[in-house]
Each structure stands twice: as C-alpha cells, then as structure tokens.
C-alpha cells in the first residue's frame, strides 16, 4: 500500500510494527478481534493500556489496524487478558504474522496512490466482493482495451497517467477470480454501462463477450439493472463492499475520489441497498441473455 513497514520496538518488549501505510484487511481484523477481547474483559482503553504498560494511543492504533504487533508482545497481551484457549490464541498469532505480508501490488508503490494500493490490498484479501456500478463495467471484469479507454477518459489536467502500467495492474487484479480459493464476486451493472461506447464498437463488443464468458464462473454472479427498473436506490453512485468472514468495508465512489465506510450502520445500509438492487435487477440468466442480444446488435 504506502511506504514499506518499519520495525519499531518500544519499552523493550518489541511491541509495535509501525504501519505508516494504510491498514490491511488482516490488520483490521486483528485489531477488531483484540478490541472485542478487551471489551469482553470489561476494560476500557485507558485501563487496558495501564495493564499492558502501553499508551492509550498506541493501543488504539493497534485496534484500528494502523499498527502491527510482534509475537512476544501479543503473547504478553493475551496473557494479561487471560485468554487461554489455544485455538483462539493461534488464530490471533496467525493474523498478526500475516497482517504485515506484502502482496504483488507493493511493486507499484510510488506509481499508485495510497488509496488505490489500499483498495487492491483489501480486494486481494476479501472472500466476498459485492459491487454496484452505475456507469462502468467493474474493474475485475474489464478487458484490457476497455480498461485503457476508461483510464484515458479520466485524463483531464496535470500529468498524464501511465496507461500501460495502470492497465497492466487492472489485469493483474483480475487473477484473484481464478485462484484456488477465489472470492465470490457479485456484480450488478446498470444497462447504461453496457451501452456506453468506451473505445468504440469493437472494444465494447469484446467487453460484452468477456462479461458473458466470466458470468458462467461458479464464483461470479452478474446481474444487469435494466432501464425498465426505473428509479432505484443506487442512483447516488457506485459502491463496492469488500468482506472477509469477520470484517466488511464499503468503498463509495464519486467522480474524483472514493472513501471507505467501516461503521456497522453504514455497512448495513449499503447491504440493504445492494439487496434492493439485486431484487430490481434481471436474473443472472436474463442478464446474460440481454448481454448476448447487445452483442448481436453491435
């Protein structure tokens, strides 16, 4: 994601790994589990910090995934929290060990924004991806030529992007769909996105063919929200929910940026919106038939 991790020991107990870059899904999960463990012991942040001989600030950073923890310090913490269950301890140790793993995307530090690196990291760790796209084909389903056209269309002022590099990264991201344990992608795409001519007729025909090809994968569910659906709760914009078994985050997008929502209520609201969109959209088989018809008309 951002800068490389830097080891940073405190108070002689090898406590912290400074995550100056944004937290990974695993570090978020670890932090959430440690916070829940603390709260189950009826400890507020200040009491727990005193118990662990830490500052409340450093403990807060750990619980929000912004700081990692080495095994000796984690063992000390679990002992002080009286967690003796071996399976629970092992799960936390495994999370802590992998929370600072670097993925393939770290090769592109300096070329991608921290927020984009963050998104790729979350996407790579997710077990479920639910995406609603109002204007574009989802990035995980784009062809190379369509992706290049989308990237080019985003050029306005300032330094031109590395189109080849960005397209390469987008294609690399798609490999998660064919991994041994792939995430389940549930994509709802507006009919407008299917009809918008990015790159011209030939590019769009190839893109539609690609959607048909990917829609038959067992871990991909593709639905089209037709014009005939009328007013719908997704009119405010595109969003994507990335989830593991324990954590969910929502990426909300607009014209110039995106931001993450991690509040339980925000996630619940977006899940409700997605469920309404799913009900309003064509079934997967009818969606495939519509795309096939658009290909024949192209």
C-alpha atoms as a PDB file:
ATOM      1  CA  UNK A   1       0.000   0.000   0.000  1.00  0.00           C
ATOM      2  CA  UNK A   2       2.004   3.060   1.115  1.00  0.00           C
ATOM      3  CA  UNK A   3       5.586   3.040   2.418  1.00  0.00           C
ATOM      4  CA  UNK A   4       7.274  -0.197   3.478  1.00  0.00           C
ATOM      5  CA  UNK A   5       6.776  -1.350   7.053  1.00  0.00           C
ATOM      6  CA  UNK A   6       9.394  -0.263   9.522  1.00  0.00           C
ATOM      7  CA  UNK A   7      10.103  -2.220  12.693  1.00  0.00           C
ATOM      8  CA  UNK A   8       9.731  -0.084  15.795  1.00  0.00           C
ATOM      9  CA  UNK A   9      10.295  -1.506  19.272  1.00  0.00           C
ATOM     10  CA  UNK A  10       9.015   0.181  22.400  1.00  0.00           C
ATOM     11  CA  UNK A  11       9.720  -0.297  26.104  1.00  0.00           C
ATOM     12  CA  UNK A  12      11.951  -3.268  25.371  1.00  0.00           C
ATOM     13  CA  UNK A  13       9.085  -5.628  24.574  1.00  0.00           C
ATOM     14  CA  UNK A  14       9.290  -5.498  20.768  1.00  0.00           C
ATOM     15  CA  UNK A  15       5.706  -4.282  20.765  1.00  0.00           C
ATOM     16  CA  UNK A  16       4.940  -2.340  17.626  1.00  0.00           C
ATOM     17  CA  UNK A  17       5.293  -2.582  13.885  1.00  0.00           C
ATOM     18  CA  UNK A  18       4.569   0.853  12.535  1.00  0.00           C
ATOM     19  CA  UNK A  19       2.009   0.708   9.733  1.00  0.00           C
ATOM     20  CA  UNK A  20       2.599   4.137   8.266  1.00  0.00           C
ATOM     21  CA  UNK A  21       0.751   2.881   5.226  1.00  0.00           C
ATOM     22  CA  UNK A  22      -2.935   2.138   5.429  1.00  0.00           C
ATOM     23  CA  UNK A  23      -4.093  -0.944   7.321  1.00  0.00           C
ATOM     24  CA  UNK A  24      -4.623  -4.215   5.511  1.00  0.00           C
ATOM     25  CA  UNK A  25      -7.770  -6.274   5.862  1.00  0.00           C
ATOM     26  CA  UNK A  26      -5.885  -8.686   8.121  1.00  0.00           C
ATOM     27  CA  UNK A  27      -4.568  -5.912  10.359  1.00  0.00           C
ATOM     28  CA  UNK A  28      -8.098  -4.513  10.609  1.00  0.00           C
ATOM     29  CA  UNK A  29      -9.393  -7.963  11.520  1.00  0.00           C
ATOM     30  CA  UNK A  30      -6.674  -8.451  14.130  1.00  0.00           C
ATOM     31  CA  UNK A  31      -7.422  -5.060  15.643  1.00  0.00           C
ATOM     32  CA  UNK A  32     -11.146  -5.766  15.772  1.00  0.00           C
ATOM     33  CA  UNK A  33     -10.625  -9.114  17.493  1.00  0.00           C
ATOM     34  CA  UNK A  34      -8.267  -7.580  20.064  1.00  0.00           C
ATOM     35  CA  UNK A  35     -10.716  -4.764  20.756  1.00  0.00           C
ATOM     36  CA  UNK A  36     -13.561  -7.243  21.237  1.00  0.00           C
ATOM     37  CA  UNK A  37     -11.357  -9.308  23.548  1.00  0.00           C
ATOM     38  CA  UNK A  38     -10.521  -6.221  25.614  1.00  0.00           C
ATOM     39  CA  UNK A  39     -14.166  -5.208  25.849  1.00  0.00           C
ATOM     40  CA  UNK A  40     -15.166  -8.741  26.880  1.00  0.00           C
ATOM     41  CA  UNK A  41     -12.836  -8.265  29.868  1.00  0.00           C
ATOM     42  CA  UNK A  42     -14.696  -5.087  30.793  1.00  0.00           C
ATOM     43  CA  UNK A  43     -11.617  -2.961  30.129  1.00  0.00           C
ATOM     44  CA  UNK A  44     -11.771   0.473  28.581  1.00  0.00           C
ATOM     45  CA  UNK A  45      -8.837   1.724  26.535  1.00  0.00           C
ATOM     46  CA  UNK A  46      -7.198   3.544  29.435  1.00  0.00           C
ATOM     47  CA  UNK A  47      -7.423   0.592  31.850  1.00  0.00           C
ATOM     48  CA  UNK A  48      -6.093  -1.825  29.244  1.00  0.00           C
ATOM     49  CA  UNK A  49      -3.210   0.495  28.400  1.00  0.00           C
ATOM     50  CA  UNK A  50      -2.191   0.626  32.066  1.00  0.00           C
ATOM     51  CA  UNK A  51      -2.493  -3.161  32.332  1.00  0.00           C
ATOM     52  CA  UNK A  52      -0.199  -3.591  29.322  1.00  0.00           C
ATOM     53  CA  UNK A  53       2.135  -0.726  30.216  1.00  0.00           C
ATOM     54  CA  UNK A  54       1.245   0.948  26.927  1.00  0.00           C
ATOM     55  CA  UNK A  55      -0.142   4.321  25.966  1.00  0.00           C
ATOM     56  CA  UNK A  56      -3.839   4.517  25.017  1.00  0.00           C
ATOM     57  CA  UNK A  57      -2.770   5.973  21.668  1.00  0.00           C
ATOM     58  CA  UNK A  58      -0.567   3.004  20.735  1.00  0.00           C
ATOM     59  CA  UNK A  59      -3.274   0.553  21.784  1.00  0.00           C
ATOM     60  CA  UNK A  60      -5.882   2.447  19.762  1.00  0.00           C
ATOM     61  CA  UNK A  61      -3.666   2.290  16.670  1.00  0.00           C
ATOM     62  CA  UNK A  62      -3.320  -1.456  17.119  1.00  0.00           C
ATOM     63  CA  UNK A  63      -7.078  -1.935  17.460  1.00  0.00           C
ATOM     64  CA  UNK A  64      -7.775   0.090  14.313  1.00  0.00           C
ATOM     65  CA  UNK A  65      -5.214  -1.812  12.251  1.00  0.00           C
ATOM     66  CA  UNK A  66      -2.829   1.121  11.918  1.00  0.00           C
ATOM     67  CA  UNK A  67      -0.116  -0.617  13.909  1.00  0.00           C
ATOM     68  CA  UNK A  68       1.032  -4.206  13.924  1.00  0.00           C
ATOM     69  CA  UNK A  69       2.274  -6.266  16.840  1.00  0.00           C
ATOM     70  CA  UNK A  70       5.069  -8.786  17.171  1.00  0.00           C
ATOM     71  CA  UNK A  71       4.500 -12.204  18.705  1.00  0.00           C
ATOM     72  CA  UNK A  72       6.210 -11.649  22.102  1.00  0.00           C
ATOM     73  CA  UNK A  73       4.093  -8.569  22.755  1.00  0.00           C
ATOM     74  CA  UNK A  74       0.946 -10.320  21.540  1.00  0.00           C
ATOM     75  CA  UNK A  75       1.635 -13.252  23.860  1.00  0.00           C
ATOM     76  CA  UNK A  76       2.027 -10.798  26.732  1.00  0.00           C
ATOM     77  CA  UNK A  77      -1.246  -9.087  25.808  1.00  0.00           C
ATOM     78  CA  UNK A  78      -3.211 -12.338  25.598  1.00  0.00           C
ATOM     79  CA  UNK A  79      -1.778 -13.462  28.920  1.00  0.00           C
ATOM     80  CA  UNK A  80      -2.816 -10.202  30.562  1.00  0.00           C
ATOM     81  CA  UNK A  81      -6.278 -10.554  29.016  1.00  0.00           C
ATOM     82  CA  UNK A  82      -6.449 -14.124  30.403  1.00  0.00           C
ATOM     83  CA  UNK A  83      -7.042 -15.696  27.005  1.00  0.00           C
ATOM     84  CA  UNK A  84      -6.046 -19.341  27.384  1.00  0.00           C
ATOM     85  CA  UNK A  85      -7.976 -21.032  24.563  1.00  0.00           C
ATOM     86  CA  UNK A  86      -5.250 -22.455  22.258  1.00  0.00           C
ATOM     87  CA  UNK A  87      -7.331 -22.186  19.079  1.00  0.00           C
ATOM     88  CA  UNK A  88      -8.174 -18.541  19.684  1.00  0.00           C
ATOM     89  CA  UNK A  89      -4.563 -17.731  20.522  1.00  0.00           C
ATOM     90  CA  UNK A  90      -3.346 -19.486  17.362  1.00  0.00           C
ATOM     91  CA  UNK A  91      -5.844 -17.581  15.216  1.00  0.00           C
ATOM     92  CA  UNK A  92      -4.583 -14.280  16.603  1.00  0.00           C
ATOM     93  CA  UNK A  93      -0.929 -15.277  16.198  1.00  0.00           C
ATOM     94  CA  UNK A  94      -1.571 -16.262  12.563  1.00  0.00           C
ATOM     95  CA  UNK A  95      -3.331 -12.966  11.881  1.00  0.00           C
ATOM     96  CA  UNK A  96      -0.517 -10.976  13.452  1.00  0.00           C
ATOM     97  CA  UNK A  97       2.082 -12.834  11.398  1.00  0.00           C
ATOM     98  CA  UNK A  98       0.302 -12.275   8.088  1.00  0.00           C
ATOM     99  CA  UNK A  99      -1.016  -8.775   8.807  1.00  0.00           C
ATOM    100  CA  UNK A 100       2.223  -7.260   7.533  1.00  0.00           C
ATOM    101  CA  UNK A 101       2.636  -9.505   4.474  1.00  0.00           C
ATOM    102  CA  UNK A 102       3.354  -7.648   1.267  1.00  0.00           C
ATOM    103  CA  UNK A 103       1.402  -8.501  -1.863  1.00  0.00           C
ATOM    104  CA  UNK A 104       2.339  -8.113  -5.523  1.00  0.00           C
ATOM    105  CA  UNK A 105       0.924  -4.566  -5.510  1.00  0.00           C
ATOM    106  CA  UNK A 106       3.795  -3.270  -3.382  1.00  0.00           C
ATOM    107  CA  UNK A 107       5.922  -3.256  -6.537  1.00  0.00           C
ATOM    108  CA  UNK A 108       3.850  -0.289  -7.637  1.00  0.00           C
ATOM    109  CA  UNK A 109       4.458   1.922  -4.607  1.00  0.00           C
ATOM    110  CA  UNK A 110       5.113   5.406  -5.913  1.00  0.00           C
ATOM    111  CA  UNK A 111       3.150   4.714  -9.091  1.00  0.00           C
ATOM    112  CA  UNK A 112      -0.279   4.311  -7.493  1.00  0.00           C
ATOM    113  CA  UNK A 113      -1.939   6.492  -4.899  1.00  0.00           C
ATOM    114  CA  UNK A 114      -2.015   5.162  -1.322  1.00  0.00           C
ATOM    115  CA  UNK A 115      -5.797   4.863  -1.566  1.00  0.00           C
ATOM    116  CA  UNK A 116      -5.550   2.694  -4.706  1.00  0.00           C
ATOM    117  CA  UNK A 117      -2.918   0.475  -3.107  1.00  0.00           C
ATOM    118  CA  UNK A 118      -5.175   0.198  -0.088  1.00  0.00           C
ATOM    119  CA  UNK A 119      -8.099  -0.857  -2.269  1.00  0.00           C
ATOM    120  CA  UNK A 120      -6.064  -3.526  -4.082  1.00  0.00           C
ATOM    121  CA  UNK A 121      -4.904  -4.909  -0.741  1.00  0.00           C
ATOM    122  CA  UNK A 122      -8.457  -5.116   0.581  1.00  0.00           C
ATOM    123  CA  UNK A 123      -9.676  -6.649  -2.679  1.00  0.00           C
ATOM    124  CA  UNK A 124      -6.966  -9.319  -2.603  1.00  0.00           C
ATOM    125  CA  UNK A 125      -7.856 -10.364   0.948  1.00  0.00           C
ATOM    126  CA  UNK A 126     -11.636 -10.349   0.549  1.00  0.00           C
ATOM    127  CA  UNK A 127     -13.690 -13.526   0.436  1.00  0.00           C
ATOM    128  CA  UNK A 128     -16.748 -11.679  -0.899  1.00  0.00           C
ATOM    129  CA  UNK A 129     -16.946  -8.691  -3.237  1.00  0.00           C
ATOM    130  CA  UNK A 130     -20.317  -7.067  -3.948  1.00  0.00           C
ATOM    131  CA  UNK A 131     -20.144  -4.270  -6.484  1.00  0.00           C
ATOM    132  CA  UNK A 132     -22.771  -1.961  -7.938  1.00  0.00           C
ATOM    133  CA  UNK A 133     -21.581   0.050 -10.937  1.00  0.00           C
ATOM    134  CA  UNK A 134     -23.687   2.831 -12.338  1.00  0.00           C
ATOM    135  CA  UNK A 135     -21.558   3.936 -15.303  1.00  0.00           C
ATOM    136  CA  UNK A 136     -18.711   1.464 -15.849  1.00  0.00           C
ATOM    137  CA  UNK A 137     -18.011  -2.238 -16.110  1.00  0.00           C
ATOM    138  CA  UNK A 138     -16.420  -3.359 -12.801  1.00  0.00           C
ATOM    139  CA  UNK A 139     -12.630  -3.349 -12.926  1.00  0.00           C
ATOM    140  CA  UNK A 140     -12.410  -7.088 -12.229  1.00  0.00           C
ATOM    141  CA  UNK A 141     -14.472  -7.776 -15.371  1.00  0.00           C
ATOM    142  CA  UNK A 142     -12.880  -5.318 -17.805  1.00  0.00           C
ATOM    143  CA  UNK A 143     -10.926  -6.237 -20.920  1.00  0.00           C
ATOM    144  CA  UNK A 144      -7.541  -4.635 -21.483  1.00  0.00           C
ATOM    145  CA  UNK A 145      -8.782  -2.361 -24.275  1.00  0.00           C
ATOM    146  CA  UNK A 146     -11.862  -1.279 -22.336  1.00  0.00           C
ATOM    147  CA  UNK A 147      -9.692  -0.542 -19.297  1.00  0.00           C
ATOM    148  CA  UNK A 148      -7.347   1.564 -21.406  1.00  0.00           C
ATOM    149  CA  UNK A 149     -10.271   3.549 -22.759  1.00  0.00           C
ATOM    150  CA  UNK A 150     -11.632   4.153 -19.252  1.00  0.00           C
ATOM    151  CA  UNK A 151      -8.207   5.224 -17.983  1.00  0.00           C
ATOM    152  CA  UNK A 152      -7.718   7.546 -20.947  1.00  0.00           C
ATOM    153  CA  UNK A 153     -11.148   9.102 -20.481  1.00  0.00           C
ATOM    154  CA  UNK A 154     -10.153  10.112 -16.961  1.00  0.00           C
ATOM    155  CA  UNK A 155      -7.324  12.343 -18.168  1.00  0.00           C
ATOM    156  CA  UNK A 156      -8.167  15.996 -17.643  1.00  0.00           C
ATOM    157  CA  UNK A 157      -5.403  18.258 -16.437  1.00  0.00           C
ATOM    158  CA  UNK A 158      -1.978  17.686 -14.972  1.00  0.00           C
ATOM    159  CA  UNK A 159       0.410  14.797 -15.551  1.00  0.00           C
ATOM    160  CA  UNK A 160      -0.896  12.082 -17.873  1.00  0.00           C
ATOM    161  CA  UNK A 161      -1.144   8.647 -16.221  1.00  0.00           C
ATOM    162  CA  UNK A 162       0.906   5.615 -17.203  1.00  0.00           C
ATOM    163  CA  UNK A 163      -1.843   3.999 -19.248  1.00  0.00           C
ATOM    164  CA  UNK A 164       0.113   0.805 -19.953  1.00  0.00           C
ATOM    165  CA  UNK A 165       1.055   0.407 -16.303  1.00  0.00           C
ATOM    166  CA  UNK A 166      -2.440   1.058 -14.977  1.00  0.00           C
ATOM    167  CA  UNK A 167      -3.995  -1.345 -17.485  1.00  0.00           C
ATOM    168  CA  UNK A 168      -1.432  -3.989 -16.522  1.00  0.00           C
ATOM    169  CA  UNK A 169      -2.325  -3.576 -12.851  1.00  0.00           C
ATOM    170  CA  UNK A 170      -6.025  -3.879 -13.599  1.00  0.00           C
ATOM    171  CA  UNK A 171      -5.456  -7.115 -15.491  1.00  0.00           C
ATOM    172  CA  UNK A 172      -3.284  -8.435 -12.649  1.00  0.00           C
ATOM    173  CA  UNK A 173      -6.056  -7.729 -10.140  1.00  0.00           C
ATOM    174  CA  UNK A 174      -8.405  -9.975 -12.097  1.00  0.00           C
ATOM    175  CA  UNK A 175      -6.310 -13.057 -11.343  1.00  0.00           C
ATOM    176  CA  UNK A 176      -7.983 -13.357  -7.939  1.00  0.00           C
ATOM    177  CA  UNK A 177     -11.101 -14.655  -9.716  1.00  0.00           C
ATOM    178  CA  UNK A 178      -9.219 -17.752 -10.887  1.00  0.00           C
ATOM    179  CA  UNK A 179      -7.193 -18.524  -7.770  1.00  0.00           C
ATOM    180  CA  UNK A 180      -7.549 -21.780  -5.840  1.00  0.00           C
ATOM    181  CA  UNK A 181      -9.823 -20.147  -3.254  1.00  0.00           C
ATOM    182  CA  UNK A 182     -11.271 -17.197  -5.143  1.00  0.00           C
ATOM    183  CA  UNK A 183     -13.591 -14.594  -3.665  1.00  0.00           C
ATOM    184  CA  UNK A 184     -17.205 -14.582  -4.736  1.00  0.00           C
ATOM    185  CA  UNK A 185     -17.878 -11.570  -6.928  1.00  0.00           C
ATOM    186  CA  UNK A 186     -21.478 -10.398  -7.150  1.00  0.00           C
ATOM    187  CA  UNK A 187     -21.657  -7.563  -9.648  1.00  0.00           C
ATOM    188  CA  UNK A 188     -24.714  -5.503 -10.521  1.00  0.00           C
ATOM    189  CA  UNK A 189     -24.147  -3.343 -13.584  1.00  0.00           C
ATOM    190  CA  UNK A 190     -26.541  -0.756 -14.935  1.00  0.00           C
ATOM    191  CA  UNK A 191     -27.736  -1.176 -18.514  1.00  0.00           C
ATOM    192  CA  UNK A 192     -26.237   2.246 -19.207  1.00  0.00           C
ATOM    193  CA  UNK A 193     -22.754   0.854 -18.517  1.00  0.00           C
ATOM    194  CA  UNK A 194     -23.330  -1.857 -21.124  1.00  0.00           C
ATOM    195  CA  UNK A 195     -24.436   0.613 -23.779  1.00  0.00           C
ATOM    196  CA  UNK A 196     -21.868   3.363 -23.154  1.00  0.00           C
ATOM    197  CA  UNK A 197     -19.350   3.148 -26.006  1.00  0.00           C
ATOM    198  CA  UNK A 198     -15.918   3.129 -24.372  1.00  0.00           C
ATOM    199  CA  UNK A 199     -13.304   2.594 -27.054  1.00  0.00           C
ATOM    200  CA  UNK A 200     -15.790   2.174 -29.880  1.00  0.00           C
ATOM    201  CA  UNK A 201     -17.990  -0.689 -31.124  1.00  0.00           C
ATOM    202  CA  UNK A 202     -15.258  -3.332 -31.438  1.00  0.00           C
ATOM    203  CA  UNK A 203     -13.921  -2.694 -27.948  1.00  0.00           C
ATOM    204  CA  UNK A 204     -17.426  -2.813 -26.482  1.00  0.00           C
ATOM    205  CA  UNK A 205     -18.289  -5.998 -28.352  1.00  0.00           C
ATOM    206  CA  UNK A 206     -15.197  -7.679 -26.922  1.00  0.00           C
ATOM    207  CA  UNK A 207     -16.075  -6.351 -23.486  1.00  0.00           C
ATOM    208  CA  UNK A 208     -19.589  -7.739 -23.658  1.00  0.00           C
ATOM    209  CA  UNK A 209     -18.219 -11.095 -24.802  1.00  0.00           C
ATOM    210  CA  UNK A 210     -15.902 -11.030 -21.810  1.00  0.00           C
ATOM    211  CA  UNK A 211     -18.839 -10.471 -19.471  1.00  0.00           C
ATOM    212  CA  UNK A 212     -20.637 -13.477 -20.935  1.00  0.00           C
ATOM    213  CA  UNK A 213     -17.500 -15.590 -20.513  1.00  0.00           C
ATOM    214  CA  UNK A 214     -16.930 -14.585 -16.885  1.00  0.00           C
ATOM    215  CA  UNK A 215     -20.594 -14.789 -15.894  1.00  0.00           C
ATOM    216  CA  UNK A 216     -20.510 -18.586 -16.060  1.00  0.00           C
ATOM    217  CA  UNK A 217     -17.724 -18.886 -13.479  1.00  0.00           C
ATOM    218  CA  UNK A 218     -19.044 -20.507 -10.294  1.00  0.00           C
ATOM    219  CA  UNK A 219     -17.712 -17.653  -8.154  1.00  0.00           C
ATOM    220  CA  UNK A 220     -19.148 -14.853 -10.307  1.00  0.00           C
ATOM    221  CA  UNK A 221     -22.746 -13.646 -10.232  1.00  0.00           C
ATOM    222  CA  UNK A 222     -23.556 -10.953 -12.773  1.00  0.00           C
ATOM    223  CA  UNK A 223     -26.836  -9.062 -12.937  1.00  0.00           C
ATOM    224  CA  UNK A 224     -27.919  -6.164 -15.121  1.00  0.00           C
ATOM    225  CA  UNK A 225     -30.082  -3.384 -13.742  1.00  0.00           C
ATOM    226  CA  UNK A 226     -32.242  -2.544 -16.788  1.00  0.00           C
ATOM    227  CA  UNK A 227     -33.586   0.860 -17.744  1.00  0.00           C
ATOM    228  CA  UNK A 228     -37.052  -0.571 -17.160  1.00  0.00           C
ATOM    229  CA  UNK A 229     -36.286  -0.837 -13.422  1.00  0.00           C
ATOM    230  CA  UNK A 230     -36.940   2.893 -13.192  1.00  0.00           C
ATOM    231  CA  UNK A 231     -35.973   4.757 -10.023  1.00  0.00           C
ATOM    232  CA  UNK A 232     -33.702   2.717  -7.772  1.00  0.00           C
ATOM    233  CA  UNK A 233     -31.747   3.187  -4.513  1.00  0.00           C
ATOM    234  CA  UNK A 234     -28.378   3.117  -6.284  1.00  0.00           C
ATOM    235  CA  UNK A 235     -28.895   6.388  -8.144  1.00  0.00           C
ATOM    236  CA  UNK A 236     -26.482   8.214  -5.815  1.00  0.00           C
ATOM    237  CA  UNK A 237     -23.480   6.362  -7.181  1.00  0.00           C
ATOM    238  CA  UNK A 238     -21.369   3.236  -7.383  1.00  0.00           C
ATOM    239  CA  UNK A 239     -20.117   1.339  -4.361  1.00  0.00           C
ATOM    240  CA  UNK A 240     -18.313  -1.883  -3.528  1.00  0.00           C
ATOM    241  CA  UNK A 241     -18.431  -3.961  -0.355  1.00  0.00           C
ATOM    242  CA  UNK A 242     -15.320  -5.991   0.424  1.00  0.00           C
ATOM    243  CA  UNK A 243     -15.715  -8.620   3.135  1.00  0.00           C
ATOM    244  CA  UNK A 244     -13.981 -11.440   4.938  1.00  0.00           C
ATOM    245  CA  UNK A 245     -15.770 -13.724   7.368  1.00  0.00           C
ATOM    246  CA  UNK A 246     -15.126 -11.220  10.153  1.00  0.00           C
ATOM    247  CA  UNK A 247     -14.896  -7.773   8.563  1.00  0.00           C
ATOM    248  CA  UNK A 248     -16.568  -5.638   5.917  1.00  0.00           C
ATOM    249  CA  UNK A 249     -15.724  -2.265   4.418  1.00  0.00           C
ATOM    250  CA  UNK A 250     -17.601  -0.265   1.802  1.00  0.00           C
ATOM    251  CA  UNK A 251     -15.900   1.816  -0.871  1.00  0.00           C
ATOM    252  CA  UNK A 252     -18.140   4.647  -2.051  1.00  0.00           C
ATOM    253  CA  UNK A 253     -17.121   6.327  -5.296  1.00  0.00           C
ATOM    254  CA  UNK A 254     -17.780   9.652  -6.966  1.00  0.00           C
ATOM    255  CA  UNK A 255     -16.279  11.474  -9.941  1.00  0.00           C
ATOM    256  CA  UNK A 256     -12.965  12.398  -8.342  1.00  0.00           C
ATOM    257  CA  UNK A 257     -12.407  10.109  -5.381  1.00  0.00           C
ATOM    258  CA  UNK A 258     -13.565   7.289  -3.172  1.00  0.00           C
ATOM    259  CA  UNK A 259     -13.748   6.782   0.559  1.00  0.00           C
ATOM    260  CA  UNK A 260     -14.182   3.881   2.950  1.00  0.00           C
ATOM    261  CA  UNK A 261     -17.052   3.304   5.351  1.00  0.00           C
ATOM    262  CA  UNK A 262     -16.433   0.938   8.247  1.00  0.00           C
ATOM    263  CA  UNK A 263     -19.265   1.842  10.622  1.00  0.00           C
ATOM    264  CA  UNK A 264     -21.618  -1.099  11.134  1.00  0.00           C
ATOM    265  CA  UNK A 265     -24.675   1.043  10.369  1.00  0.00           C
ATOM    266  CA  UNK A 266     -23.162   2.333   7.103  1.00  0.00           C
ATOM    267  CA  UNK A 267     -22.288  -1.184   6.006  1.00  0.00           C
ATOM    268  CA  UNK A 268     -25.769  -2.424   6.879  1.00  0.00           C
ATOM    269  CA  UNK A 269     -27.391   0.385   4.883  1.00  0.00           C
ATOM    270  CA  UNK A 270     -25.306  -0.392   1.811  1.00  0.00           C
ATOM    271  CA  UNK A 271     -26.085  -4.096   2.155  1.00  0.00           C
ATOM    272  CA  UNK A 272     -29.791  -3.236   2.200  1.00  0.00           C
ATOM    273  CA  UNK A 273     -29.366  -1.044  -0.889  1.00  0.00           C
ATOM    274  CA  UNK A 274     -27.495  -3.843  -2.655  1.00  0.00           C
ATOM    275  CA  UNK A 275     -30.243  -6.325  -1.793  1.00  0.00           C
ATOM    276  CA  UNK A 276     -32.866  -3.965  -3.235  1.00  0.00           C
ATOM    277  CA  UNK A 277     -30.781  -3.537  -6.392  1.00  0.00           C
ATOM    278  CA  UNK A 278     -30.377  -7.290  -6.646  1.00  0.00           C
ATOM    279  CA  UNK A 279     -34.156  -7.709  -6.467  1.00  0.00           C
ATOM    280  CA  UNK A 280     -34.733  -4.999  -9.094  1.00  0.00           C
ATOM    281  CA  UNK A 281     -32.089  -6.329 -11.491  1.00  0.00           C
ATOM    282  CA  UNK A 282     -32.573  -9.044 -14.074  1.00  0.00           C
ATOM    283  CA  UNK A 283     -31.780 -12.591 -13.002  1.00  0.00           C
ATOM    284  CA  UNK A 284     -28.287 -13.839 -13.929  1.00  0.00           C
ATOM    285  CA  UNK A 285     -29.683 -15.864 -16.847  1.00  0.00           C
ATOM    286  CA  UNK A 286     -31.830 -12.985 -18.126  1.00  0.00           C
ATOM    287  CA  UNK A 287     -28.861 -10.648 -17.693  1.00  0.00           C
ATOM    288  CA  UNK A 288     -26.740 -12.953 -19.835  1.00  0.00           C
ATOM    289  CA  UNK A 289     -29.479 -13.010 -22.477  1.00  0.00           C
ATOM    290  CA  UNK A 290     -29.586  -9.207 -22.551  1.00  0.00           C
ATOM    291  CA  UNK A 291     -25.820  -9.000 -22.973  1.00  0.00           C
ATOM    292  CA  UNK A 292     -25.948 -11.578 -25.769  1.00  0.00           C
ATOM    293  CA  UNK A 293     -28.618  -9.508 -27.502  1.00  0.00           C
ATOM    294  CA  UNK A 294     -26.465  -6.379 -27.218  1.00  0.00           C
ATOM    295  CA  UNK A 295     -23.560  -8.294 -28.770  1.00  0.00           C
ATOM    296  CA  UNK A 296     -25.728  -9.335 -31.711  1.00  0.00           C
ATOM    297  CA  UNK A 297     -26.855  -5.735 -32.177  1.00  0.00           C
ATOM    298  CA  UNK A 298     -23.325  -4.307 -32.043  1.00  0.00           C
END
